[in-house]
C-alpha atoms as a PDB file:
ATOM      1  CA  UNK A   1     -23.176   2.734  -5.360  1.00  0.00           C
ATOM      2  CA  UNK A   2     -19.551   2.844  -6.479  1.00  0.00           C
ATOM      3  CA  UNK A   3     -16.941   4.598  -4.355  1.00  0.00           C
ATOM      4  CA  UNK A   4     -13.627   5.471  -5.942  1.00  0.00           C
ATOM      5  CA  UNK A   5     -10.675   5.003  -3.581  1.00  0.00           C
ATOM      6  CA  UNK A   6      -7.146   6.134  -4.467  1.00  0.00           C
ATOM      7  CA  UNK A   7      -4.499   4.538  -2.253  1.00  0.00           C
ATOM      8  CA  UNK A   8      -1.323   6.600  -1.843  1.00  0.00           C
ATOM      9  CA  UNK A   9       1.193   4.077  -0.625  1.00  0.00           C
ATOM     10  CA  UNK A  10       4.391   2.130  -0.914  1.00  0.00           C
ATOM     11  CA  UNK A  11       4.372  -1.638  -1.041  1.00  0.00           C
ATOM     12  CA  UNK A  12       7.104  -1.992   1.603  1.00  0.00           C
ATOM     13  CA  UNK A  13       5.334   0.303   4.069  1.00  0.00           C
ATOM     14  CA  UNK A  14       3.997  -1.558   7.120  1.00  0.00           C
ATOM     15  CA  UNK A  15       1.441   1.119   7.991  1.00  0.00           C
ATOM     16  CA  UNK A  16       0.198   1.158   4.411  1.00  0.00           C
ATOM     17  CA  UNK A  17      -0.554  -2.568   4.646  1.00  0.00           C
ATOM     18  CA  UNK A  18      -2.221  -2.007   8.020  1.00  0.00           C
ATOM     19  CA  UNK A  19      -4.342   0.898   6.761  1.00  0.00           C
ATOM     20  CA  UNK A  20      -5.442  -1.012   3.688  1.00  0.00           C
ATOM     21  CA  UNK A  21      -6.294  -4.041   5.842  1.00  0.00           C
ATOM     22  CA  UNK A  22      -8.502  -1.831   8.041  1.00  0.00           C
ATOM     23  CA  UNK A  23     -10.134  -0.162   5.056  1.00  0.00           C
ATOM     24  CA  UNK A  24     -10.933  -3.471   3.333  1.00  0.00           C
ATOM     25  CA  UNK A  25     -12.333  -4.797   6.578  1.00  0.00           C
ATOM     26  CA  UNK A  26     -14.611  -1.793   6.830  1.00  0.00           C
ATOM     27  CA  UNK A  27     -15.775  -2.208   3.252  1.00  0.00           C
ATOM     28  CA  UNK A  28     -16.677  -5.862   3.929  1.00  0.00           C
ATOM     29  CA  UNK A  29     -19.107  -4.677   6.603  1.00  0.00           C
ATOM     30  CA  UNK A  30     -20.896  -2.249   4.281  1.00  0.00           C
ATOM     31  CA  UNK A  31     -24.059  -3.168   2.337  1.00  0.00           C
ATOM     32  CA  UNK A  32     -23.522  -5.371  -0.740  1.00  0.00           C
ATOM     33  CA  UNK A  33     -24.710  -2.484  -2.900  1.00  0.00           C
ATOM     34  CA  UNK A  34     -21.436  -0.636  -2.229  1.00  0.00           C
ATOM     35  CA  UNK A  35     -18.729  -1.344  -4.788  1.00  0.00           C
ATOM     36  CA  UNK A  36     -15.186   0.026  -4.800  1.00  0.00           C
ATOM     37  CA  UNK A  37     -13.080   1.232  -7.729  1.00  0.00           C
ATOM     38  CA  UNK A  38      -9.480   0.911  -6.560  1.00  0.00           C
ATOM     39  CA  UNK A  39      -6.590   3.031  -7.833  1.00  0.00           C
ATOM     40  CA  UNK A  40      -3.017   2.981  -6.541  1.00  0.00           C
ATOM     41  CA  UNK A  41      -0.742   6.014  -6.480  1.00  0.00           C
ATOM     42  CA  UNK A  42       2.980   5.362  -5.871  1.00  0.00           C
ATOM     43  CA  UNK A  43       4.872   6.938  -3.018  1.00  0.00           C
ATOM     44  CA  UNK A  44       8.385   5.493  -3.213  1.00  0.00           C
ATOM     45  CA  UNK A  45       9.979   5.613   0.218  1.00  0.00           C
ATOM     46  CA  UNK A  46      13.414   4.409  -0.883  1.00  0.00           C
ATOM     47  CA  UNK A  47      14.144   5.431  -4.493  1.00  0.00           C
ATOM     48  CA  UNK A  48      17.838   5.685  -3.628  1.00  0.00           C
ATOM     49  CA  UNK A  49      18.103   2.056  -2.484  1.00  0.00           C
ATOM     50  CA  UNK A  50      20.012  -0.532  -4.513  1.00  0.00           C
ATOM     51  CA  UNK A  51      18.664  -3.925  -5.584  1.00  0.00           C
ATOM     52  CA  UNK A  52      19.975  -5.736  -2.484  1.00  0.00           C
ATOM     53  CA  UNK A  53      17.872  -3.538  -0.218  1.00  0.00           C
ATOM     54  CA  UNK A  54      18.681  -2.832   3.425  1.00  0.00           C
ATOM     55  CA  UNK A  55      17.979  -4.766   6.636  1.00  0.00           C
ATOM     56  CA  UNK A  56      15.028  -3.147   8.410  1.00  0.00           C
ATOM     57  CA  UNK A  57      16.847  -2.488  11.682  1.00  0.00           C
ATOM     58  CA  UNK A  58      19.787  -0.823   9.904  1.00  0.00           C
ATOM     59  CA  UNK A  59      17.336   1.218   7.860  1.00  0.00           C
ATOM     60  CA  UNK A  60      16.120   2.871  11.021  1.00  0.00           C
ATOM     61  CA  UNK A  61      19.281   2.936  13.137  1.00  0.00           C
ATOM     62  CA  UNK A  62      21.728   3.935  10.385  1.00  0.00           C
ATOM     63  CA  UNK A  63      19.730   5.614   7.634  1.00  0.00           C
ATOM     64  CA  UNK A  64      17.296   7.442   9.942  1.00  0.00           C
ATOM     65  CA  UNK A  65      19.709   7.635  12.900  1.00  0.00           C
ATOM     66  CA  UNK A  66      17.276   6.126  15.383  1.00  0.00           C
ATOM     67  CA  UNK A  67      18.568   4.836  18.693  1.00  0.00           C
ATOM     68  CA  UNK A  68      18.255   1.136  19.463  1.00  0.00           C
ATOM     69  CA  UNK A  69      15.754   2.019  22.165  1.00  0.00           C
ATOM     70  CA  UNK A  70      13.564   4.001  19.817  1.00  0.00           C
ATOM     71  CA  UNK A  71      13.687   1.281  17.174  1.00  0.00           C
ATOM     72  CA  UNK A  72      12.766  -1.505  19.617  1.00  0.00           C
ATOM     73  CA  UNK A  73       9.849   0.541  20.998  1.00  0.00           C
ATOM     74  CA  UNK A  74       8.588   1.207  17.475  1.00  0.00           C
ATOM     75  CA  UNK A  75       8.935  -2.443  16.484  1.00  0.00           C
ATOM     76  CA  UNK A  76       7.063  -3.561  19.611  1.00  0.00           C
ATOM     77  CA  UNK A  77       4.199  -1.102  18.893  1.00  0.00           C
ATOM     78  CA  UNK A  78       4.042  -2.257  15.273  1.00  0.00           C
ATOM     79  CA  UNK A  79       4.033  -5.958  16.209  1.00  0.00           C
ATOM     80  CA  UNK A  80       1.255  -5.352  18.747  1.00  0.00           C
ATOM     81  CA  UNK A  81      -0.930  -3.784  16.065  1.00  0.00           C
ATOM     82  CA  UNK A  82      -0.151  -6.667  13.669  1.00  0.00           C
ATOM     83  CA  UNK A  83      -1.007  -9.264  16.299  1.00  0.00           C
ATOM     84  CA  UNK A  84      -4.139  -7.516  17.564  1.00  0.00           C
ATOM     85  CA  UNK A  85      -5.654  -7.120  14.113  1.00  0.00           C
ATOM     86  CA  UNK A  86      -4.254 -10.331  12.565  1.00  0.00           C
ATOM     87  CA  UNK A  87      -2.569  -8.506   9.720  1.00  0.00           C
ATOM     88  CA  UNK A  88      -0.500 -10.442   7.207  1.00  0.00           C
ATOM     89  CA  UNK A  89       2.999  -9.224   8.047  1.00  0.00           C
ATOM     90  CA  UNK A  90       5.634 -11.754   9.087  1.00  0.00           C
ATOM     91  CA  UNK A  91       8.978 -10.339  10.230  1.00  0.00           C
ATOM     92  CA  UNK A  92      10.476 -13.831  10.313  1.00  0.00           C
ATOM     93  CA  UNK A  93      10.644 -13.579   6.527  1.00  0.00           C
ATOM     94  CA  UNK A  94      10.286  -9.870   5.912  1.00  0.00           C
ATOM     95  CA  UNK A  95      13.754  -8.718   6.939  1.00  0.00           C
ATOM     96  CA  UNK A  96      14.629  -5.970   4.431  1.00  0.00           C
ATOM     97  CA  UNK A  97      13.297  -2.825   2.828  1.00  0.00           C
ATOM     98  CA  UNK A  98      13.628  -2.633  -0.944  1.00  0.00           C
ATOM     99  CA  UNK A  99      13.454  -0.179  -3.800  1.00  0.00           C
ATOM    100  CA  UNK A 100       9.916  -0.401  -5.178  1.00  0.00           C
ATOM    101  CA  UNK A 101      10.178   1.422  -8.515  1.00  0.00           C
ATOM    102  CA  UNK A 102       9.861  -1.854 -10.483  1.00  0.00           C
ATOM    103  CA  UNK A 103       6.683  -2.985  -8.739  1.00  0.00           C
ATOM    104  CA  UNK A 104       5.051   0.430  -8.978  1.00  0.00           C
ATOM    105  CA  UNK A 105       5.731   0.335 -12.715  1.00  0.00           C
ATOM    106  CA  UNK A 106       4.200  -3.146 -12.857  1.00  0.00           C
ATOM    107  CA  UNK A 107       1.163  -1.946 -10.904  1.00  0.00           C
ATOM    108  CA  UNK A 108       0.726   0.911 -13.358  1.00  0.00           C
ATOM    109  CA  UNK A 109       0.999  -1.489 -16.303  1.00  0.00           C
ATOM    110  CA  UNK A 110      -1.528  -3.744 -14.570  1.00  0.00           C
ATOM    111  CA  UNK A 111      -3.920  -0.856 -14.115  1.00  0.00           C
ATOM    112  CA  UNK A 112      -3.791  -0.147 -17.842  1.00  0.00           C
ATOM    113  CA  UNK A 113      -5.199  -3.651 -18.503  1.00  0.00           C
ATOM    114  CA  UNK A 114      -7.534  -3.786 -15.497  1.00  0.00           C
ATOM    115  CA  UNK A 115      -5.719  -6.279 -13.251  1.00  0.00           C
ATOM    116  CA  UNK A 116      -4.125  -3.855 -10.779  1.00  0.00           C
ATOM    117  CA  UNK A 117      -6.117  -4.985  -7.749  1.00  0.00           C
ATOM    118  CA  UNK A 118      -5.063  -8.651  -8.178  1.00  0.00           C
ATOM    119  CA  UNK A 119      -1.509  -7.575  -8.944  1.00  0.00           C
ATOM    120  CA  UNK A 120      -1.309  -5.372  -5.878  1.00  0.00           C
ATOM    121  CA  UNK A 121      -2.593  -8.140  -3.624  1.00  0.00           C
ATOM    122  CA  UNK A 122      -0.119 -10.758  -4.794  1.00  0.00           C
ATOM    123  CA  UNK A 123       2.833  -8.358  -4.526  1.00  0.00           C
ATOM    124  CA  UNK A 124       1.717  -7.210  -1.081  1.00  0.00           C
ATOM    125  CA  UNK A 125       1.519 -10.783   0.195  1.00  0.00           C
ATOM    126  CA  UNK A 126       4.787 -11.786  -1.452  1.00  0.00           C
ATOM    127  CA  UNK A 127       6.657  -9.032   0.387  1.00  0.00           C
ATOM    128  CA  UNK A 128       4.937  -8.852   3.760  1.00  0.00           C
ATOM    129  CA  UNK A 129       4.485 -12.606   4.272  1.00  0.00           C
ATOM    130  CA  UNK A 130       7.454 -14.049   2.380  1.00  0.00           C
ATOM    131  CA  UNK A 131       9.980 -11.198   2.297  1.00  0.00           C
ATOM    132  CA  UNK A 132      10.380 -11.301  -1.486  1.00  0.00           C
ATOM    133  CA  UNK A 133      12.849  -8.782  -2.918  1.00  0.00           C
ATOM    134  CA  UNK A 134      10.531  -6.534  -4.907  1.00  0.00           C
ATOM    135  CA  UNK A 135      13.375  -5.064  -6.969  1.00  0.00           C
ATOM    136  CA  UNK A 136      14.582  -8.422  -8.348  1.00  0.00           C
ATOM    137  CA  UNK A 137      12.903  -9.090 -11.686  1.00  0.00           C
ATOM    138  CA  UNK A 138      13.050 -12.888 -11.654  1.00  0.00           C
ATOM    139  CA  UNK A 139      11.513 -13.124  -8.169  1.00  0.00           C
ATOM    140  CA  UNK A 140       8.748 -10.690  -9.080  1.00  0.00           C
ATOM    141  CA  UNK A 141       8.100 -12.611 -12.302  1.00  0.00           C
ATOM    142  CA  UNK A 142       7.595 -15.803 -10.259  1.00  0.00           C
ATOM    143  CA  UNK A 143       5.143 -14.029  -7.951  1.00  0.00           C
ATOM    144  CA  UNK A 144       3.084 -12.846 -10.914  1.00  0.00           C
ATOM    145  CA  UNK A 145       3.128 -16.281 -12.550  1.00  0.00           C
ATOM    146  CA  UNK A 146       1.980 -17.925  -9.311  1.00  0.00           C
ATOM    147  CA  UNK A 147      -0.904 -15.478  -9.213  1.00  0.00           C
ATOM    148  CA  UNK A 148      -1.950 -16.561 -12.735  1.00  0.00           C
ATOM    149  CA  UNK A 149      -1.170 -13.129 -14.164  1.00  0.00           C
ATOM    150  CA  UNK A 150       0.491 -12.374 -17.501  1.00  0.00           C
ATOM    151  CA  UNK A 151       3.897 -11.933 -15.905  1.00  0.00           C
ATOM    152  CA  UNK A 152       5.897 -11.362 -19.063  1.00  0.00           C
ATOM    153  CA  UNK A 153       3.312  -9.022 -20.531  1.00  0.00           C
ATOM    154  CA  UNK A 154       3.235  -6.912 -17.379  1.00  0.00           C
ATOM    155  CA  UNK A 155       7.021  -6.833 -17.132  1.00  0.00           C
ATOM    156  CA  UNK A 156       7.478  -5.934 -20.797  1.00  0.00           C
ATOM    157  CA  UNK A 157       4.965  -3.108 -20.439  1.00  0.00           C
ATOM    158  CA  UNK A 158       6.457  -1.896 -17.168  1.00  0.00           C
ATOM    159  CA  UNK A 159       9.992  -1.799 -18.548  1.00  0.00           C
ATOM    160  CA  UNK A 160       9.467  -0.772 -22.159  1.00  0.00           C
ATOM    161  CA  UNK A 161       6.091   0.925 -22.647  1.00  0.00           C
ATOM    162  CA  UNK A 162       6.543   4.730 -22.484  1.00  0.00           C
ATOM    163  CA  UNK A 163       2.866   5.058 -21.620  1.00  0.00           C
ATOM    164  CA  UNK A 164       3.582   3.503 -18.225  1.00  0.00           C
ATOM    165  CA  UNK A 165       6.015   6.282 -17.317  1.00  0.00           C
ATOM    166  CA  UNK A 166       3.534   8.861 -18.609  1.00  0.00           C
ATOM    167  CA  UNK A 167       0.796   7.466 -16.376  1.00  0.00           C
ATOM    168  CA  UNK A 168       3.175   7.351 -13.409  1.00  0.00           C
ATOM    169  CA  UNK A 169       4.070  11.003 -13.983  1.00  0.00           C
ATOM    170  CA  UNK A 170       0.380  11.821 -14.011  1.00  0.00           C
ATOM    171  CA  UNK A 171      -0.034   9.956 -10.725  1.00  0.00           C
ATOM    172  CA  UNK A 172       2.771  12.049  -9.226  1.00  0.00           C
ATOM    173  CA  UNK A 173       0.938  15.209 -10.296  1.00  0.00           C
ATOM    174  CA  UNK A 174      -2.242  13.795  -8.824  1.00  0.00           C
ATOM    175  CA  UNK A 175      -0.518  13.095  -5.496  1.00  0.00           C
ATOM    176  CA  UNK A 176       0.852  16.651  -5.421  1.00  0.00           C
ATOM    177  CA  UNK A 177      -2.733  17.938  -5.286  1.00  0.00           C
ATOM    178  CA  UNK A 178      -3.050  16.694  -1.698  1.00  0.00           C
ATOM    179  CA  UNK A 179      -1.185  17.481   1.539  1.00  0.00           C
ATOM    180  CA  UNK A 180       0.602  14.129   1.728  1.00  0.00           C
ATOM    181  CA  UNK A 181       2.980  14.213   4.703  1.00  0.00           C
ATOM    182  CA  UNK A 182       3.321  10.439   5.090  1.00  0.00           C
ATOM    183  CA  UNK A 183       1.761   7.226   3.865  1.00  0.00           C
ATOM    184  CA  UNK A 184      -0.688   5.698   3.711  1.00  0.00           C
ATOM    185  CA  UNK A 185      -3.220   8.271   2.588  1.00  0.00           C
ATOM    186  CA  UNK A 186      -6.534   7.699   0.845  1.00  0.00           C
ATOM    187  CA  UNK A 187      -8.652   9.814  -1.472  1.00  0.00           C
ATOM    188  CA  UNK A 188     -12.352   9.022  -1.665  1.00  0.00           C
ATOM    189  CA  UNK A 189     -14.299  10.073  -4.758  1.00  0.00           C
ATOM    190  CA  UNK A 190     -11.590  12.364  -6.143  1.00  0.00           C
ATOM    191  CA  UNK A 191     -11.505  15.041  -3.389  1.00  0.00           C
ATOM    192  CA  UNK A 192     -12.034  13.491   0.069  1.00  0.00           C
ATOM    193  CA  UNK A 193      -8.490  13.189   1.459  1.00  0.00           C
ATOM    194  CA  UNK A 194      -8.017  10.906   4.487  1.00  0.00           C
ATOM    195  CA  UNK A 195      -4.455  10.480   5.798  1.00  0.00           C
ATOM    196  CA  UNK A 196      -3.250   7.701   8.066  1.00  0.00           C
ATOM    197  CA  UNK A 197      -3.731   3.974   8.641  1.00  0.00           C
ATOM    198  CA  UNK A 198      -6.688   4.640  10.984  1.00  0.00           C
ATOM    199  CA  UNK A 199      -8.909   1.797  12.206  1.00  0.00           C
ATOM    200  CA  UNK A 200     -11.629  -0.334  10.636  1.00  0.00           C
ATOM    201  CA  UNK A 201     -14.224   1.452  12.768  1.00  0.00           C
ATOM    202  CA  UNK A 202     -12.935   4.843  11.607  1.00  0.00           C
ATOM    203  CA  UNK A 203     -13.079   3.931   7.932  1.00  0.00           C
ATOM    204  CA  UNK A 204     -16.515   2.374   8.245  1.00  0.00           C
ATOM    205  CA  UNK A 205     -17.940   5.412  10.005  1.00  0.00           C
ATOM    206  CA  UNK A 206     -16.287   7.752   7.528  1.00  0.00           C
ATOM    207  CA  UNK A 207     -17.820   5.985   4.541  1.00  0.00           C
ATOM    208  CA  UNK A 208     -21.220   5.649   6.209  1.00  0.00           C
ATOM    209  CA  UNK A 209     -21.394   9.279   7.265  1.00  0.00           C
ATOM    210  CA  UNK A 210     -20.064  10.756   4.034  1.00  0.00           C
ATOM    211  CA  UNK A 211     -21.526   8.430   1.396  1.00  0.00           C
ATOM    212  CA  UNK A 212     -24.345   6.396   2.918  1.00  0.00           C
ATOM    213  CA  UNK A 213     -26.183   9.123   4.785  1.00  0.00           C
ATOM    214  CA  UNK A 214     -25.479   7.857   8.319  1.00  0.00           C
ATOM    215  CA  UNK A 215     -24.443  10.335  10.992  1.00  0.00           C
ATOM    216  CA  UNK A 216     -22.042   8.686  13.476  1.00  0.00           C
ATOM    217  CA  UNK A 217     -19.375  11.135  14.654  1.00  0.00           C
ATOM    218  CA  UNK A 218     -16.172   9.972  12.961  1.00  0.00           C
ATOM    219  CA  UNK A 219     -13.995  12.356  15.034  1.00  0.00           C
ATOM    220  CA  UNK A 220     -14.803  10.364  18.194  1.00  0.00           C
ATOM    221  CA  UNK A 221     -13.587   7.079  16.745  1.00  0.00           C
ATOM    222  CA  UNK A 222      -9.988   6.147  17.543  1.00  0.00           C
ATOM    223  CA  UNK A 223      -7.280   5.922  14.908  1.00  0.00           C
ATOM    224  CA  UNK A 224      -4.160   3.768  14.898  1.00  0.00           C
END
């Protein structure tokens, strides 16, 4: 059985990385007969941001006008989730938020040649574990090269192929079909919309009850 999963996300979103980690963990516990067709739909959180990005604390306290108390409480909650579930996010290196238009274009170009899952994984790790500036072309090129991907081909397509922008526009129309209030959000098999980072147990039960014929009550399983 193949399950199509569309991931509505931004690469700099902590909760997107957490939700995807939980979902992949759930999938690993499913029978080997279950395969996944991954698709990624951009949701750019910071399209206004310049190439230098913005320190994470200032992003919340200045851009979103959070108090220091609110920010510290949020950061503590986030770190607790990261530590509890051993998620690959390291704030010692990941200090800024960045504009992600470039990497979403690269992901779209990668999808057109069937290497989007590998491309997404290497970019996700480069940002969340190493703090790489995802809007700086030379740094992103190095990440792609180190992942044994056709870095120049992907960059050329992302920057110069009009089909990439056409596909991205189609993805925006696709996203508009669902009540996306925040990210991450997931769409299973074209119509089954599931918002939130949730937990591994939630995702596993959801897939089992909706696609594998098992009947565990998903509503009673906690979400993050």
